[in-house]
Amino acid sequence: MISKCQTDELNDELINKIKEAINEANQSKRFNHEVVLTDSFVRDNQVHVDLAYLLNAATYEYVLDMRQLNKVN
């Protein structure tokens, strides 16, 4: 968890920087498998991010399910 920024715009900027860092790590092939940000939100003055390491089929299917849910909502 990260302390909440003072504005929603700064929170969005922070989350976008995290996404960019993940994309750079994935492109550099630093890890054996991709890492994806599956969820992010602010609650109780904390920025929460959920990451998934696409190591096995169950995790990959979970990420696909989350993407489908995001399309619907």
C-alpha atoms as a PDB file:
ATOM      1  CA  MET A   1       0.000   0.000   0.000  1.00  0.00           C
ATOM      2  CA  ILE A   2       1.073   3.537  -0.733  1.00  0.00           C
ATOM      3  CA  SER A   3      -0.178   6.662   1.002  1.00  0.00           C
ATOM      4  CA  LYS A   4      -2.893   8.395  -0.974  1.00  0.00           C
ATOM      5  CA  CYS A   5      -1.881  11.428  -2.997  1.00  0.00           C
ATOM      6  CA  GLN A   6      -3.586  14.745  -2.375  1.00  0.00           C
ATOM      7  CA  THR A   7      -5.663  14.660  -5.571  1.00  0.00           C
ATOM      8  CA  ASP A   8      -7.310  12.029  -7.736  1.00  0.00           C
ATOM      9  CA  GLU A   9      -5.190  13.218 -10.664  1.00  0.00           C
ATOM     10  CA  LEU A  10      -1.994  12.503  -8.729  1.00  0.00           C
ATOM     11  CA  ASN A  11      -3.331   9.080  -7.736  1.00  0.00           C
ATOM     12  CA  ASP A  12      -4.031   8.341 -11.405  1.00  0.00           C
ATOM     13  CA  GLU A  13      -0.551   9.570 -12.318  1.00  0.00           C
ATOM     14  CA  LEU A  14       1.010   7.300  -9.682  1.00  0.00           C
ATOM     15  CA  ILE A  15      -0.932   4.274 -10.945  1.00  0.00           C
ATOM     16  CA  ASN A  16       0.066   5.091 -14.539  1.00  0.00           C
ATOM     17  CA  LYS A  17       3.742   5.249 -13.482  1.00  0.00           C
ATOM     18  CA  ILE A  18       3.365   1.825 -11.858  1.00  0.00           C
ATOM     19  CA  LYS A  19       1.833   0.474 -15.083  1.00  0.00           C
ATOM     20  CA  GLU A  20       4.705   1.956 -17.102  1.00  0.00           C
ATOM     21  CA  ALA A  21       7.288   0.373 -14.785  1.00  0.00           C
ATOM     22  CA  ILE A  22       5.562  -3.000 -15.142  1.00  0.00           C
ATOM     23  CA  ASN A  23       5.501  -2.657 -18.942  1.00  0.00           C
ATOM     24  CA  GLU A  24       9.206  -1.781 -18.990  1.00  0.00           C
ATOM     25  CA  ALA A  25      10.034  -4.788 -16.814  1.00  0.00           C
ATOM     26  CA  ASN A  26       7.971  -7.076 -19.055  1.00  0.00           C
ATOM     27  CA  GLN A  27       9.594  -5.717 -22.236  1.00  0.00           C
ATOM     28  CA  SER A  28      13.080  -6.102 -20.784  1.00  0.00           C
ATOM     29  CA  LYS A  29      12.364  -9.783 -20.104  1.00  0.00           C
ATOM     30  CA  ARG A  30      13.699  -9.231 -16.589  1.00  0.00           C
ATOM     31  CA  PHE A  31      11.295 -11.883 -15.316  1.00  0.00           C
ATOM     32  CA  ASN A  32      10.534 -15.337 -16.681  1.00  0.00           C
ATOM     33  CA  HIS A  33       6.834 -14.466 -16.960  1.00  0.00           C
ATOM     34  CA  GLU A  34       4.833 -11.282 -17.344  1.00  0.00           C
ATOM     35  CA  VAL A  35       3.574  -9.237 -14.426  1.00  0.00           C
ATOM     36  CA  VAL A  36       0.243  -7.421 -14.849  1.00  0.00           C
ATOM     37  CA  LEU A  37      -1.649  -4.906 -12.759  1.00  0.00           C
ATOM     38  CA  THR A  38      -5.068  -6.478 -12.219  1.00  0.00           C
ATOM     39  CA  ASP A  39      -6.681  -3.826 -10.029  1.00  0.00           C
ATOM     40  CA  SER A  40      -6.023  -0.476  -8.380  1.00  0.00           C
ATOM     41  CA  PHE A  41      -8.091   1.649  -6.043  1.00  0.00           C
ATOM     42  CA  VAL A  42      -7.916   4.161  -3.210  1.00  0.00           C
ATOM     43  CA  ARG A  43      -9.403   3.257   0.178  1.00  0.00           C
ATOM     44  CA  ASP A  44      -8.764   4.629   3.659  1.00  0.00           C
ATOM     45  CA  ASN A  45      -6.207   7.101   2.299  1.00  0.00           C
ATOM     46  CA  GLN A  46      -4.131   4.288   0.779  1.00  0.00           C
ATOM     47  CA  VAL A  47      -3.495   3.463  -2.863  1.00  0.00           C
ATOM     48  CA  HIS A  48      -3.889  -0.286  -3.363  1.00  0.00           C
ATOM     49  CA  VAL A  49      -2.562  -2.161  -6.389  1.00  0.00           C
ATOM     50  CA  ASP A  50      -3.031  -5.840  -7.155  1.00  0.00           C
ATOM     51  CA  LEU A  51      -0.366  -7.482  -9.287  1.00  0.00           C
ATOM     52  CA  ALA A  52      -0.396 -10.912 -10.887  1.00  0.00           C
ATOM     53  CA  TYR A  53       2.655 -12.883 -11.977  1.00  0.00           C
ATOM     54  CA  LEU A  54       1.523 -14.907 -14.998  1.00  0.00           C
ATOM     55  CA  LEU A  55       3.232 -18.079 -13.913  1.00  0.00           C
ATOM     56  CA  ASN A  56       0.506 -20.683 -14.392  1.00  0.00           C
ATOM     57  CA  ALA A  57      -2.763 -21.297 -16.219  1.00  0.00           C
ATOM     58  CA  ALA A  58      -4.947 -20.509 -13.200  1.00  0.00           C
ATOM     59  CA  THR A  59      -3.418 -17.041 -12.805  1.00  0.00           C
ATOM     60  CA  TYR A  60      -3.649 -16.375 -16.539  1.00  0.00           C
ATOM     61  CA  GLU A  61      -7.331 -17.364 -16.531  1.00  0.00           C
ATOM     62  CA  TYR A  62      -7.943 -15.129 -13.490  1.00  0.00           C
ATOM     63  CA  VAL A  63      -6.441 -12.156 -15.347  1.00  0.00           C
ATOM     64  CA  LEU A  64      -8.573 -12.883 -18.402  1.00  0.00           C
ATOM     65  CA  ASP A  65     -11.678 -13.064 -16.190  1.00  0.00           C
ATOM     66  CA  MET A  66     -10.791  -9.737 -14.560  1.00  0.00           C
ATOM     67  CA  ARG A  67     -10.382  -8.114 -17.980  1.00  0.00           C
ATOM     68  CA  GLN A  68     -13.788  -9.423 -19.037  1.00  0.00           C
ATOM     69  CA  LEU A  69     -15.363  -8.027 -15.870  1.00  0.00           C
ATOM     70  CA  ASN A  70     -13.769  -4.649 -16.494  1.00  0.00           C
ATOM     71  CA  LYS A  71     -15.284  -4.569 -19.997  1.00  0.00           C
ATOM     72  CA  VAL A  72     -18.754  -5.242 -18.590  1.00  0.00           C
ATOM     73  CA  ASN A  73     -18.495  -2.742 -15.744  1.00  0.00           C
END
